[in-house]
Amino acid sequence: MDQLYTNASVSISELKKNPAAVIEEAAGFSVVVLNGNKPAAYLVPVATFEAMVEKLEDFELANQVKARANERTVKVYPDAL
């Protein structure tokens, strides 16, 4: 069986019947959408999704910093800009 990353689940047919009810019942938590008892998608609250995107952006930025850590530096004088 596939690993599920949430405690709440809903079948695709239940989600189709009343998506608003599923979202309301989730009460701000993520829900895995099952198709034939296999995970097909995750229904994630907006705030959670935005936080995940921000973390990914931070991770990518940290990787860029690490990759450039040994590059030659250039002095910049703000008055010259």
Protein backbone atom coordinates (compact mmCIF):
# COMPACT_ATOMS: atom_id res chain seq x y z
CA MET A 1 0.00 0.00 0.00
CA ASP A 2 1.12 3.52 -0.77
CA GLN A 3 2.17 5.79 2.08
CA LEU A 4 -0.41 8.46 2.86
CA TYR A 5 0.72 11.84 4.19
CA THR A 6 -2.54 12.69 5.95
CA ASN A 7 -5.05 11.03 8.23
CA ALA A 8 -8.10 12.08 6.20
CA SER A 9 -9.16 10.53 2.92
CA VAL A 10 -12.03 10.77 0.46
CA SER A 11 -12.89 8.80 -2.64
CA ILE A 12 -12.95 10.56 -5.97
CA SER A 13 -16.67 9.81 -6.31
CA GLU A 14 -17.40 11.38 -2.89
CA LEU A 15 -15.36 14.43 -3.85
CA LYS A 16 -17.31 14.76 -7.12
CA LYS A 17 -20.64 14.57 -5.27
CA ASN A 18 -19.96 17.47 -2.92
CA PRO A 19 -16.52 19.09 -3.03
CA ALA A 20 -17.58 21.96 -0.75
CA ALA A 21 -18.61 19.51 1.97
CA VAL A 22 -15.28 17.70 1.75
CA ILE A 23 -13.39 20.98 2.11
CA GLU A 24 -15.57 22.05 5.03
CA GLU A 25 -15.24 18.69 6.78
CA ALA A 26 -11.45 18.79 6.34
CA ALA A 27 -11.44 21.81 8.67
CA GLY A 28 -8.17 23.22 7.35
CA PHE A 29 -6.33 19.91 7.08
CA SER A 30 -5.08 18.10 4.00
CA VAL A 31 -7.11 15.24 2.50
CA VAL A 32 -5.87 12.47 0.23
CA VAL A 33 -8.17 11.75 -2.72
CA LEU A 34 -8.36 8.05 -3.46
CA ASN A 35 -9.11 6.46 -6.81
CA GLY A 36 -9.62 2.73 -6.47
CA ASN A 37 -8.12 2.86 -2.94
CA LYS A 38 -4.90 4.36 -4.31
CA PRO A 39 -3.81 7.97 -3.75
CA ALA A 40 -4.66 10.09 -6.79
CA ALA A 41 -4.23 13.59 -5.37
CA TYR A 42 -4.05 15.67 -2.23
CA LEU A 43 -6.53 18.38 -1.39
CA VAL A 44 -4.43 20.95 0.47
CA PRO A 45 -5.61 24.17 2.15
CA VAL A 46 -4.44 27.38 0.47
CA ALA A 47 -2.32 28.47 3.45
CA THR A 48 -0.57 25.10 3.54
CA PHE A 49 0.11 25.17 -0.19
CA GLU A 50 1.48 28.71 -0.02
CA ALA A 51 3.75 27.73 2.89
CA MET A 52 5.02 24.71 0.92
CA VAL A 53 5.80 26.88 -2.11
CA GLU A 54 7.64 29.38 0.09
CA LYS A 55 9.71 26.59 1.69
CA LEU A 56 10.61 25.23 -1.76
CA GLU A 57 11.67 28.69 -2.90
CA ASP A 58 13.81 29.08 0.24
CA PHE A 59 15.36 25.66 -0.40
CA GLU A 60 16.19 26.58 -4.01
CA LEU A 61 17.71 29.88 -2.89
CA ALA A 62 19.83 28.12 -0.25
CA ASN A 63 21.10 25.73 -2.93
CA GLN A 64 22.06 28.67 -5.15
CA VAL A 65 23.93 30.28 -2.26
CA LYS A 66 25.81 27.03 -1.56
CA ALA A 67 26.66 26.60 -5.24
CA ARG A 68 28.05 30.13 -5.44
CA ALA A 69 29.85 30.10 -2.09
CA ASN A 70 33.26 29.53 -3.64
CA GLU A 71 32.89 31.96 -6.53
CA ARG A 72 35.08 34.99 -6.79
CA THR A 73 33.59 38.04 -5.06
CA VAL A 74 33.22 41.49 -6.54
CA LYS A 75 33.37 44.65 -4.45
CA VAL A 76 30.42 46.94 -4.91
CA TYR A 77 30.40 50.54 -3.79
CA PRO A 78 26.85 51.84 -3.26
CA ASP A 79 27.89 55.42 -4.04
CA ALA A 80 29.05 54.30 -7.48
CA LEU A 81 25.64 52.89 -8.38
